[in-house]
All heavy atoms as atom14 arrays in JSON, in Angstrom:
{
  "sequence": "GGRGVPDADITPETRRDAVERLVDLTREYHEDGEEIETLLVGNYCDAA",
  "atom14_mask": [
    [1, 1, 1, 1, 0, 0, 0, 0, 0, 0, 0, 0, 0, 0],
    [1, 1, 1, 1, 0, 0, 0, 0, 0, 0, 0, 0, 0, 0],
    [1, 1, 1, 1, 1, 1, 1, 1, 1, 1, 1, 0, 0, 0],
    [1, 1, 1, 1, 0, 0, 0, 0, 0, 0, 0, 0, 0, 0],
    [1, 1, 1, 1, 1, 1, 1, 0, 0, 0, 0, 0, 0, 0],
    [1, 1, 1, 1, 1, 1, 1, 0, 0, 0, 0, 0, 0, 0],
    [1, 1, 1, 1, 1, 1, 1, 1, 0, 0, 0, 0, 0, 0],
    [1, 1, 1, 1, 1, 0, 0, 0, 0, 0, 0, 0, 0, 0],
    [1, 1, 1, 1, 1, 1, 1, 1, 0, 0, 0, 0, 0, 0],
    [1, 1, 1, 1, 1, 1, 1, 1, 0, 0, 0, 0, 0, 0],
    [1, 1, 1, 1, 1, 1, 1, 0, 0, 0, 0, 0, 0, 0],
    [1, 1, 1, 1, 1, 1, 1, 0, 0, 0, 0, 0, 0, 0],
    [1, 1, 1, 1, 1, 1, 1, 1, 1, 0, 0, 0, 0, 0],
    [1, 1, 1, 1, 1, 1, 1, 0, 0, 0, 0, 0, 0, 0],
    [1, 1, 1, 1, 1, 1, 1, 1, 1, 1, 1, 0, 0, 0],
    [1, 1, 1, 1, 1, 1, 1, 1, 1, 1, 1, 0, 0, 0],
    [1, 1, 1, 1, 1, 1, 1, 1, 0, 0, 0, 0, 0, 0],
    [1, 1, 1, 1, 1, 0, 0, 0, 0, 0, 0, 0, 0, 0],
    [1, 1, 1, 1, 1, 1, 1, 0, 0, 0, 0, 0, 0, 0],
    [1, 1, 1, 1, 1, 1, 1, 1, 1, 0, 0, 0, 0, 0],
    [1, 1, 1, 1, 1, 1, 1, 1, 1, 1, 1, 0, 0, 0],
    [1, 1, 1, 1, 1, 1, 1, 1, 0, 0, 0, 0, 0, 0],
    [1, 1, 1, 1, 1, 1, 1, 0, 0, 0, 0, 0, 0, 0],
    [1, 1, 1, 1, 1, 1, 1, 1, 0, 0, 0, 0, 0, 0],
    [1, 1, 1, 1, 1, 1, 1, 1, 0, 0, 0, 0, 0, 0],
    [1, 1, 1, 1, 1, 1, 1, 0, 0, 0, 0, 0, 0, 0],
    [1, 1, 1, 1, 1, 1, 1, 1, 1, 1, 1, 0, 0, 0],
    [1, 1, 1, 1, 1, 1, 1, 1, 1, 0, 0, 0, 0, 0],
    [1, 1, 1, 1, 1, 1, 1, 1, 1, 1, 1, 1, 0, 0],
    [1, 1, 1, 1, 1, 1, 1, 1, 1, 1, 0, 0, 0, 0],
    [1, 1, 1, 1, 1, 1, 1, 1, 1, 0, 0, 0, 0, 0],
    [1, 1, 1, 1, 1, 1, 1, 1, 0, 0, 0, 0, 0, 0],
    [1, 1, 1, 1, 0, 0, 0, 0, 0, 0, 0, 0, 0, 0],
    [1, 1, 1, 1, 1, 1, 1, 1, 1, 0, 0, 0, 0, 0],
    [1, 1, 1, 1, 1, 1, 1, 1, 1, 0, 0, 0, 0, 0],
    [1, 1, 1, 1, 1, 1, 1, 1, 0, 0, 0, 0, 0, 0],
    [1, 1, 1, 1, 1, 1, 1, 1, 1, 0, 0, 0, 0, 0],
    [1, 1, 1, 1, 1, 1, 1, 0, 0, 0, 0, 0, 0, 0],
    [1, 1, 1, 1, 1, 1, 1, 1, 0, 0, 0, 0, 0, 0],
    [1, 1, 1, 1, 1, 1, 1, 1, 0, 0, 0, 0, 0, 0],
    [1, 1, 1, 1, 1, 1, 1, 0, 0, 0, 0, 0, 0, 0],
    [1, 1, 1, 1, 0, 0, 0, 0, 0, 0, 0, 0, 0, 0],
    [1, 1, 1, 1, 1, 1, 1, 1, 0, 0, 0, 0, 0, 0],
    [1, 1, 1, 1, 1, 1, 1, 1, 1, 1, 1, 1, 0, 0],
    [1, 1, 1, 1, 1, 1, 0, 0, 0, 0, 0, 0, 0, 0],
    [1, 1, 1, 1, 1, 1, 1, 1, 0, 0, 0, 0, 0, 0],
    [1, 1, 1, 1, 1, 0, 0, 0, 0, 0, 0, 0, 0, 0],
    [1, 1, 1, 1, 1, 0, 0, 0, 0, 0, 0, 0, 0, 0]
  ],
  "atom14_positions": [
    [[-24.92, -3.81, 0.75], [-26.17, -4.29, 1.31], [-26.96, -3.14, 1.84], [-26.38, -2.1, 2.23], [0.0, 0.0, 0.0], [0.0, 0.0, 0.0], [0.0, 0.0, 0.0], [0.0, 0.0, 0.0], [0.0, 0.0, 0.0], [0.0, 0.0, 0.0], [0.0, 0.0, 0.0], [0.0, 0.0, 0.0], [0.0, 0.0, 0.0], [0.0, 0.0, 0.0]],
    [[-28.29, -3.27, 1.92], [-29.1, -2.17, 2.4], [-28.89, -0.93, 1.55], [-29.01, -0.96, 0.32], [0.0, 0.0, 0.0], [0.0, 0.0, 0.0], [0.0, 0.0, 0.0], [0.0, 0.0, 0.0], [0.0, 0.0, 0.0], [0.0, 0.0, 0.0], [0.0, 0.0, 0.0], [0.0, 0.0, 0.0], [0.0, 0.0, 0.0], [0.0, 0.0, 0.0]],
    [[-28.51, 0.18, 2.22], [-28.22, 1.41, 1.49], [-26.75, 1.52, 1.05], [-26.35, 2.52, 0.44], [-28.6, 2.63, 2.34], [-30.1, 2.76, 2.58], [-30.49, 4.11, 3.16], [-30.05, 4.32, 4.52], [-30.73, 3.96, 5.61], [-31.92, 3.35, 5.48], [-30.26, 4.19, 6.81], [0.0, 0.0, 0.0], [0.0, 0.0, 0.0], [0.0, 0.0, 0.0]],
    [[-25.95, 0.54, 1.38], [-24.56, 0.51, 0.94], [-24.48, -0.08, -0.46], [-24.45, -1.31, -0.65], [0.0, 0.0, 0.0], [0.0, 0.0, 0.0], [0.0, 0.0, 0.0], [0.0, 0.0, 0.0], [0.0, 0.0, 0.0], [0.0, 0.0, 0.0], [0.0, 0.0, 0.0], [0.0, 0.0, 0.0], [0.0, 0.0, 0.0], [0.0, 0.0, 0.0]],
    [[-24.48, 0.77, -1.47], [-24.57, 0.32, -2.86], [-23.24, 0.59, -3.58], [-22.49, 1.5, -3.19], [-25.73, 1.03, -3.59], [-27.05, 0.63, -2.98], [-25.55, 2.53, -3.57], [0.0, 0.0, 0.0], [0.0, 0.0, 0.0], [0.0, 0.0, 0.0], [0.0, 0.0, 0.0], [0.0, 0.0, 0.0], [0.0, 0.0, 0.0], [0.0, 0.0, 0.0]],
    [[-22.94, -0.18, -4.63], [-21.67, -0.01, -5.33], [-21.42, 1.39, -5.84], [-20.26, 1.83, -5.95], [-21.78, -1.02, -6.47], [-22.7, -2.07, -5.95], [-23.7, -1.34, -5.1], [0.0, 0.0, 0.0], [0.0, 0.0, 0.0], [0.0, 0.0, 0.0], [0.0, 0.0, 0.0], [0.0, 0.0, 0.0], [0.0, 0.0, 0.0], [0.0, 0.0, 0.0]],
    [[-22.48, 2.14, -6.18], [-22.29, 3.48, -6.75], [-21.62, 4.43, -5.75], [-21.04, 5.45, -6.17], [-23.65, 4.07, -7.17], [-24.2, 3.4, -8.41], [-23.48, 2.65, -9.06], [-25.42, 3.63, -8.71], [0.0, 0.0, 0.0], [0.0, 0.0, 0.0], [0.0, 0.0, 0.0], [0.0, 0.0, 0.0], [0.0, 0.0, 0.0], [0.0, 0.0, 0.0]],
    [[-21.69, 4.13, -4.46], [-21.08, 4.98, -3.45], [-19.62, 4.61, -3.19], [-18.94, 5.26, -2.39], [-21.85, 4.9, -2.14], [0.0, 0.0, 0.0], [0.0, 0.0, 0.0], [0.0, 0.0, 0.0], [0.0, 0.0, 0.0], [0.0, 0.0, 0.0], [0.0, 0.0, 0.0], [0.0, 0.0, 0.0], [0.0, 0.0, 0.0], [0.0, 0.0, 0.0]],
    [[-19.15, 3.58, -3.86], [-17.81, 3.06, -3.57], [-16.77, 3.84, -4.34], [-17.03, 4.66, -5.21], [-17.74, 1.58, -3.95], [-16.78, 0.79, -3.08], [-16.06, 1.42, -2.28], [-16.77, -0.45, -3.19], [0.0, 0.0, 0.0], [0.0, 0.0, 0.0], [0.0, 0.0, 0.0], [0.0, 0.0, 0.0], [0.0, 0.0, 0.0], [0.0, 0.0, 0.0]],
    [[-15.49, 3.55, -3.98], [-14.35, 4.19, -4.63], [-13.71, 3.23, -5.61], [-13.95, 2.02, -5.58], [-13.31, 4.68, -3.58], [-12.89, 3.52, -2.67], [-13.88, 5.82, -2.75], [-11.88, 3.9, -1.62], [0.0, 0.0, 0.0], [0.0, 0.0, 0.0], [0.0, 0.0, 0.0], [0.0, 0.0, 0.0], [0.0, 0.0, 0.0], [0.0, 0.0, 0.0]],
    [[-12.87, 3.74, -6.49], [-12.21, 2.91, -7.47], [-11.09, 2.09, -6.82], [-10.61, 2.45, -5.73], [-11.58, 3.78, -8.57], [-10.51, 4.55, -7.99], [-12.6, 4.69, -9.23], [0.0, 0.0, 0.0], [0.0, 0.0, 0.0], [0.0, 0.0, 0.0], [0.0, 0.0, 0.0], [0.0, 0.0, 0.0], [0.0, 0.0, 0.0], [0.0, 0.0, 0.0]],
    [[-10.67, 1.0, -7.46], [-9.56, 0.22, -6.9], [-8.29, 1.07, -6.7], [-7.57, 0.9, -5.73], [-9.35, -0.87, -7.94], [-10.68, -1.06, -8.57], [-11.29, 0.3, -8.61], [0.0, 0.0, 0.0], [0.0, 0.0, 0.0], [0.0, 0.0, 0.0], [0.0, 0.0, 0.0], [0.0, 0.0, 0.0], [0.0, 0.0, 0.0], [0.0, 0.0, 0.0]],
    [[-8.04, 2.0, -7.61], [-6.85, 2.84, -7.49], [-6.96, 3.75, -6.26], [-5.98, 3.9, -5.5], [-6.68, 3.68, -8.74], [-6.38, 2.91, -10.01], [-7.61, 2.22, -10.6], [-8.76, 2.59, -10.25], [-7.44, 1.3, -11.43], [0.0, 0.0, 0.0], [0.0, 0.0, 0.0], [0.0, 0.0, 0.0], [0.0, 0.0, 0.0], [0.0, 0.0, 0.0]],
    [[-8.14, 4.34, -6.06], [-8.34, 5.18, -4.88], [-8.27, 4.35, -3.6], [-7.74, 4.8, -2.57], [-9.68, 5.92, -4.98], [-9.73, 6.69, -6.15], [-9.89, 6.83, -3.78], [0.0, 0.0, 0.0], [0.0, 0.0, 0.0], [0.0, 0.0, 0.0], [0.0, 0.0, 0.0], [0.0, 0.0, 0.0], [0.0, 0.0, 0.0], [0.0, 0.0, 0.0]],
    [[-8.78, 3.14, -3.65], [-8.75, 2.26, -2.47], [-7.31, 1.92, -2.09], [-6.93, 1.95, -0.91], [-9.54, 0.98, -2.75], [-9.66, 0.05, -1.54], [-10.57, -1.11, -1.86], [-11.8, -0.66, -2.46], [-12.81, -0.11, -1.79], [-12.72, 0.05, -0.48], [-13.89, 0.29, -2.42], [0.0, 0.0, 0.0], [0.0, 0.0, 0.0], [0.0, 0.0, 0.0]],
    [[-6.52, 1.56, -3.06], [-5.13, 1.24, -2.78], [-4.4, 2.43, -2.16], [-3.65, 2.3, -1.2], [-4.41, 0.79, -4.06], [-2.99, 0.3, -3.84], [-2.33, -0.09, -5.17], [-1.01, -0.61, -4.95], [-0.65, -1.9, -5.01], [-1.57, -2.83, -5.28], [0.6, -2.29, -4.81], [0.0, 0.0, 0.0], [0.0, 0.0, 0.0], [0.0, 0.0, 0.0]],
    [[-4.66, 3.61, -2.74], [-4.05, 4.82, -2.19], [-4.53, 5.07, -0.76], [-3.74, 5.46, 0.11], [-4.41, 5.99, -3.08], [-3.88, 7.31, -2.52], [-2.66, 7.52, -2.54], [-4.71, 8.16, -2.09], [0.0, 0.0, 0.0], [0.0, 0.0, 0.0], [0.0, 0.0, 0.0], [0.0, 0.0, 0.0], [0.0, 0.0, 0.0], [0.0, 0.0, 0.0]],
    [[-5.82, 4.84, -0.48], [-6.34, 5.05, 0.86], [-5.71, 4.13, 1.88], [-5.35, 4.52, 3.0], [-7.86, 4.86, 0.86], [0.0, 0.0, 0.0], [0.0, 0.0, 0.0], [0.0, 0.0, 0.0], [0.0, 0.0, 0.0], [0.0, 0.0, 0.0], [0.0, 0.0, 0.0], [0.0, 0.0, 0.0], [0.0, 0.0, 0.0], [0.0, 0.0, 0.0]],
    [[-5.55, 2.84, 1.5], [-4.92, 1.89, 2.41], [-3.48, 2.28, 2.66], [-3.0, 2.25, 3.81], [-5.02, 0.45, 1.82], [-4.19, -0.51, 2.65], [-6.49, 0.0, 1.78], [0.0, 0.0, 0.0], [0.0, 0.0, 0.0], [0.0, 0.0, 0.0], [0.0, 0.0, 0.0], [0.0, 0.0, 0.0], [0.0, 0.0, 0.0], [0.0, 0.0, 0.0]],
    [[-2.76, 2.69, 1.62], [-1.38, 3.1, 1.81], [-1.29, 4.33, 2.72], [-0.4, 4.43, 3.56], [-0.7, 3.38, 0.47], [0.77, 3.76, 0.62], [1.6, 3.47, -0.62], [1.01, 3.07, -1.64], [2.82, 3.63, -0.54], [0.0, 0.0, 0.0], [0.0, 0.0, 0.0], [0.0, 0.0, 0.0], [0.0, 0.0, 0.0], [0.0, 0.0, 0.0]],
    [[-2.22, 5.25, 2.54], [-2.24, 6.44, 3.44], [-2.42, 6.03, 4.88], [-1.76, 6.58, 5.79], [-3.35, 7.39, 3.0], [-3.05, 8.19, 1.74], [-4.31, 8.79, 1.15], [-5.12, 9.48, 2.12], [-6.42, 9.77, 1.96], [-7.04, 9.4, 0.86], [-7.09, 10.42, 2.89], [0.0, 0.0, 0.0], [0.0, 0.0, 0.0], [0.0, 0.0, 0.0]],
    [[-3.31, 5.09, 5.14], [-3.56, 4.65, 6.51], [-2.35, 3.93, 7.09], [-2.0, 4.1, 8.27], [-4.8, 3.77, 6.59], [-6.13, 4.46, 6.32], [-7.25, 3.45, 6.19], [-6.43, 5.45, 7.45], [0.0, 0.0, 0.0], [0.0, 0.0, 0.0], [0.0, 0.0, 0.0], [0.0, 0.0, 0.0], [0.0, 0.0, 0.0], [0.0, 0.0, 0.0]],
    [[-1.71, 3.12, 6.29], [-0.51, 2.41, 6.75], [0.61, 3.42, 7.04], [1.31, 3.34, 8.07], [-0.06, 1.36, 5.74], [1.24, 0.71, 6.19], [-1.14, 0.28, 5.57], [0.0, 0.0, 0.0], [0.0, 0.0, 0.0], [0.0, 0.0, 0.0], [0.0, 0.0, 0.0], [0.0, 0.0, 0.0], [0.0, 0.0, 0.0], [0.0, 0.0, 0.0]],
    [[0.78, 4.38, 6.15], [1.79, 5.42, 6.36], [1.51, 6.24, 7.61], [2.41, 6.59, 8.38], [1.89, 6.34, 5.15], [2.58, 5.69, 3.94], [3.27, 4.68, 4.15], [2.39, 6.21, 2.83], [0.0, 0.0, 0.0], [0.0, 0.0, 0.0], [0.0, 0.0, 0.0], [0.0, 0.0, 0.0], [0.0, 0.0, 0.0], [0.0, 0.0, 0.0]],
    [[0.2, 6.56, 7.82], [-0.19, 7.33, 8.99], [0.12, 6.56, 10.27], [0.65, 7.13, 11.25], [-1.68, 7.66, 8.92], [-2.24, 8.5, 10.07], [-1.65, 9.9, 10.07], [-3.77, 8.56, 9.98], [0.0, 0.0, 0.0], [0.0, 0.0, 0.0], [0.0, 0.0, 0.0], [0.0, 0.0, 0.0], [0.0, 0.0, 0.0], [0.0, 0.0, 0.0]],
    [[-0.19, 5.28, 10.26], [0.11, 4.44, 11.43], [1.62, 4.42, 11.69], [2.06, 4.52, 12.83], [-0.4, 3.0, 11.18], [-1.78, 3.04, 10.85], [-0.2, 2.15, 12.43], [0.0, 0.0, 0.0], [0.0, 0.0, 0.0], [0.0, 0.0, 0.0], [0.0, 0.0, 0.0], [0.0, 0.0, 0.0], [0.0, 0.0, 0.0], [0.0, 0.0, 0.0]],
    [[2.37, 4.31, 10.62], [3.84, 4.29, 10.76], [4.34, 5.61, 11.38], [5.2, 5.61, 12.27], [4.47, 4.08, 9.37], [5.99, 3.95, 9.39], [6.49, 3.65, 8.0], [7.93, 3.41, 7.97], [8.6, 3.1, 6.88], [7.98, 2.96, 5.72], [9.91, 2.9, 6.93], [0.0, 0.0, 0.0], [0.0, 0.0, 0.0], [0.0, 0.0, 0.0]],
    [[3.79, 6.73, 10.91], [4.2, 8.02, 11.44], [3.9, 8.13, 12.95], [4.76, 8.6, 13.73], [3.48, 9.16, 10.7], [3.92, 9.31, 9.26], [3.0, 10.25, 8.49], [2.17, 10.93, 9.14], [3.12, 10.31, 7.24], [0.0, 0.0, 0.0], [0.0, 0.0, 0.0], [0.0, 0.0, 0.0], [0.0, 0.0, 0.0], [0.0, 0.0, 0.0]],
    [[2.75, 7.68, 13.35], [2.39, 7.74, 14.77], [3.34, 6.87, 15.6], [3.82, 7.27, 16.67], [0.94, 7.3, 14.98], [-0.05, 8.44, 14.96], [-0.63, 8.85, 13.8], [-0.36, 9.13, 16.14], [-1.55, 9.91, 13.77], [-1.27, 10.18, 16.14], [-1.85, 10.57, 14.94], [-2.74, 11.62, 14.93], [0.0, 0.0, 0.0], [0.0, 0.0, 0.0]],
    [[3.61, 5.66, 15.13], [4.46, 4.75, 15.89], [5.91, 5.26, 15.95], [6.56, 5.14, 16.99], [4.4, 3.34, 15.29], [3.19, 2.58, 15.71], [3.2, 1.6, 16.68], [1.89, 2.68, 15.34], [2.01, 1.12, 16.87], [1.18, 1.76, 16.05], [0.0, 0.0, 0.0], [0.0, 0.0, 0.0], [0.0, 0.0, 0.0], [0.0, 0.0, 0.0]],
    [[6.38, 5.82, 14.85], [7.73, 6.37, 14.87], [7.85, 7.59, 15.77], [8.93, 7.91, 16.28], [8.16, 6.7, 13.44], [8.41, 5.47, 12.59], [8.81, 5.79, 11.17], [8.68, 6.97, 10.76], [9.21, 4.87, 10.43], [0.0, 0.0, 0.0], [0.0, 0.0, 0.0], [0.0, 0.0, 0.0], [0.0, 0.0, 0.0], [0.0, 0.0, 0.0]],
    [[6.7, 8.26, 16.02], [6.68, 9.39, 16.96], [6.4, 8.96, 18.4], [6.27, 9.79, 19.3], [5.61, 10.41, 16.54], [6.02, 11.17, 15.28], [7.21, 11.17, 14.95], [5.12, 11.74, 14.63], [0.0, 0.0, 0.0], [0.0, 0.0, 0.0], [0.0, 0.0, 0.0], [0.0, 0.0, 0.0], [0.0, 0.0, 0.0], [0.0, 0.0, 0.0]],
    [[6.32, 7.64, 18.62], [6.12, 7.11, 19.96], [4.68, 7.04, 20.43], [4.42, 6.78, 21.6], [0.0, 0.0, 0.0], [0.0, 0.0, 0.0], [0.0, 0.0, 0.0], [0.0, 0.0, 0.0], [0.0, 0.0, 0.0], [0.0, 0.0, 0.0], [0.0, 0.0, 0.0], [0.0, 0.0, 0.0], [0.0, 0.0, 0.0], [0.0, 0.0, 0.0]],
    [[3.72, 7.22, 19.51], [2.31, 7.13, 19.85], [1.77, 5.82, 19.3], [1.64, 5.64, 18.09], [1.52, 8.32, 19.3], [1.93, 9.65, 19.9], [0.98, 10.75, 19.47], [-0.23, 10.65, 19.77], [1.45, 11.71, 18.83], [0.0, 0.0, 0.0], [0.0, 0.0, 0.0], [0.0, 0.0, 0.0], [0.0, 0.0, 0.0], [0.0, 0.0, 0.0]],
    [[1.43, 4.89, 20.17], [1.06, 3.55, 19.76], [-0.43, 3.43, 19.52], [-1.17, 2.81, 20.29], [1.54, 2.52, 20.8], [3.06, 2.41, 20.89], [3.53, 1.29, 21.78], [2.76, 0.91, 22.71], [4.63, 0.79, 21.57], [0.0, 0.0, 0.0], [0.0, 0.0, 0.0], [0.0, 0.0, 0.0], [0.0, 0.0, 0.0], [0.0, 0.0, 0.0]],
    [[-0.89, 4.0, 18.42], [-2.28, 3.83, 18.05], [-2.48, 2.45, 17.43], [-1.54, 1.88, 16.83], [-2.77, 4.93, 17.1], [-2.03, 4.85, 15.75], [-2.62, 6.32, 17.72], [-2.65, 5.76, 14.69], [0.0, 0.0, 0.0], [0.0, 0.0, 0.0], [0.0, 0.0, 0.0], [0.0, 0.0, 0.0], [0.0, 0.0, 0.0], [0.0, 0.0, 0.0]],
    [[-3.69, 1.92, 17.58], [-4.05, 0.65, 16.97], [-4.91, 0.95, 15.76], [-5.98, 1.54, 15.87], [-4.81, -0.24, 17.96], [-5.13, -1.61, 17.42], [-5.95, -2.47, 18.39], [-6.37, -1.94, 19.44], [-6.18, -3.64, 18.08], [0.0, 0.0, 0.0], [0.0, 0.0, 0.0], [0.0, 0.0, 0.0], [0.0, 0.0, 0.0], [0.0, 0.0, 0.0]],
    [[-4.46, 0.54, 14.59], [-5.17, 0.77, 13.35], [-5.54, -0.57, 12.72], [-4.68, -1.45, 12.59], [-4.31, 1.56, 12.35], [-3.83, 2.74, 12.99], [-5.1, 1.95, 11.12], [0.0, 0.0, 0.0], [0.0, 0.0, 0.0], [0.0, 0.0, 0.0], [0.0, 0.0, 0.0], [0.0, 0.0, 0.0], [0.0, 0.0, 0.0], [0.0, 0.0, 0.0]],
    [[-6.82, -0.72, 12.35], [-7.3, -1.98, 11.78], [-8.04, -1.72, 10.49], [-8.73, -0.71, 10.34], [-8.22, -2.72, 12.76], [-7.58, -3.09, 14.11], [-8.09, -2.15, 15.19], [-7.87, -4.53, 14.47], [0.0, 0.0, 0.0], [0.0, 0.0, 0.0], [0.0, 0.0, 0.0], [0.0, 0.0, 0.0], [0.0, 0.0, 0.0], [0.0, 0.0, 0.0]],
    [[-7.88, -2.64, 9.54], [-8.58, -2.62, 8.27], [-9.62, -3.72, 8.29], [-9.31, -4.86, 8.67], [-7.61, -2.82, 7.1], [-6.53, -1.72, 6.95], [-5.45, -2.18, 6.0], [-7.15, -0.43, 6.47], [0.0, 0.0, 0.0], [0.0, 0.0, 0.0], [0.0, 0.0, 0.0], [0.0, 0.0, 0.0], [0.0, 0.0, 0.0], [0.0, 0.0, 0.0]],
    [[-10.85, -3.42, 7.86], [-11.95, -4.37, 8.0], [-12.75, -4.47, 6.7], [-13.07, -3.46, 6.08], [-12.91, -3.91, 9.15], [-13.93, -5.0, 9.45], [-12.13, -3.53, 10.39], [0.0, 0.0, 0.0], [0.0, 0.0, 0.0], [0.0, 0.0, 0.0], [0.0, 0.0, 0.0], [0.0, 0.0, 0.0], [0.0, 0.0, 0.0], [0.0, 0.0, 0.0]],
    [[-13.02, -5.71, 6.31], [-14.0, -5.92, 5.24], [-13.45, -6.16, 3.87], [-14.21, -6.31, 2.91], [0.0, 0.0, 0.0], [0.0, 0.0, 0.0], [0.0, 0.0, 0.0], [0.0, 0.0, 0.0], [0.0, 0.0, 0.0], [0.0, 0.0, 0.0], [0.0, 0.0, 0.0], [0.0, 0.0, 0.0], [0.0, 0.0, 0.0], [0.0, 0.0, 0.0]],
    [[-12.1, -6.23, 3.71], [-11.53, -6.53, 2.39], [-10.16, -7.17, 2.6], [-9.18, -6.48, 2.87], [-11.39, -5.25, 1.56], [-10.86, -5.53, 0.15], [-10.53, -6.65, -0.18], [-10.78, -4.49, -0.67], [0.0, 0.0, 0.0], [0.0, 0.0, 0.0], [0.0, 0.0, 0.0], [0.0, 0.0, 0.0], [0.0, 0.0, 0.0], [0.0, 0.0, 0.0]],
    [[-10.11, -8.48, 2.43], [-8.86, -9.19, 2.72], [-7.83, -9.09, 1.59], [-6.74, -9.65, 1.7], [-9.14, -10.64, 3.08], [-9.25, -10.79, 4.59], [-10.38, -10.4, 5.26], [-8.18, -11.25, 5.32], [-10.46, -10.49, 6.65], [-8.23, -11.32, 6.71], [-9.38, -10.96, 7.36], [-9.43, -11.05, 8.73], [0.0, 0.0, 0.0], [0.0, 0.0, 0.0]],
    [[-8.13, -8.32, 0.56], [-7.08, -7.87, -0.35], [-6.04, -7.09, 0.45], [-4.84, -7.09, 0.12], [-7.71, -7.01, -1.43], [-6.56, -6.34, -2.61], [0.0, 0.0, 0.0], [0.0, 0.0, 0.0], [0.0, 0.0, 0.0], [0.0, 0.0, 0.0], [0.0, 0.0, 0.0], [0.0, 0.0, 0.0], [0.0, 0.0, 0.0], [0.0, 0.0, 0.0]],
    [[-6.49, -6.45, 1.53], [-5.57, -5.68, 2.4], [-4.48, -6.59, 2.98], [-3.36, -6.12, 3.24], [-6.32, -5.06, 3.57], [-7.33, -3.99, 3.1], [-7.17, -3.47, 1.98], [-8.26, -3.68, 3.87], [0.0, 0.0, 0.0], [0.0, 0.0, 0.0], [0.0, 0.0, 0.0], [0.0, 0.0, 0.0], [0.0, 0.0, 0.0], [0.0, 0.0, 0.0]],
    [[-4.78, -7.85, 3.22], [-3.77, -8.76, 3.77], [-2.6, -8.9, 2.79], [-1.43, -8.81, 3.18], [-4.4, -10.14, 4.03], [0.0, 0.0, 0.0], [0.0, 0.0, 0.0], [0.0, 0.0, 0.0], [0.0, 0.0, 0.0], [0.0, 0.0, 0.0], [0.0, 0.0, 0.0], [0.0, 0.0, 0.0], [0.0, 0.0, 0.0], [0.0, 0.0, 0.0]],
    [[-2.94, -9.1, 1.53], [-1.88, -9.19, 0.51], [-1.11, -7.89, 0.4], [0.13, -7.88, 0.3], [-2.51, -9.54, -0.84], [0.0, 0.0, 0.0], [0.0, 0.0, 0.0], [0.0, 0.0, 0.0], [0.0, 0.0, 0.0], [0.0, 0.0, 0.0], [0.0, 0.0, 0.0], [0.0, 0.0, 0.0], [0.0, 0.0, 0.0], [0.0, 0.0, 0.0]]
  ]
}
């Protein structure tokens, strides 16, 4: 919407990798005893 156009988006493969990176990063922080709150917004494919 607005200036957010599909051409600026990433591929599904890159998106899946990005989500996994964020989940892994959150895991690393929690395993190190740092309780950061990480949230994913705007794509409920992330729920699955």
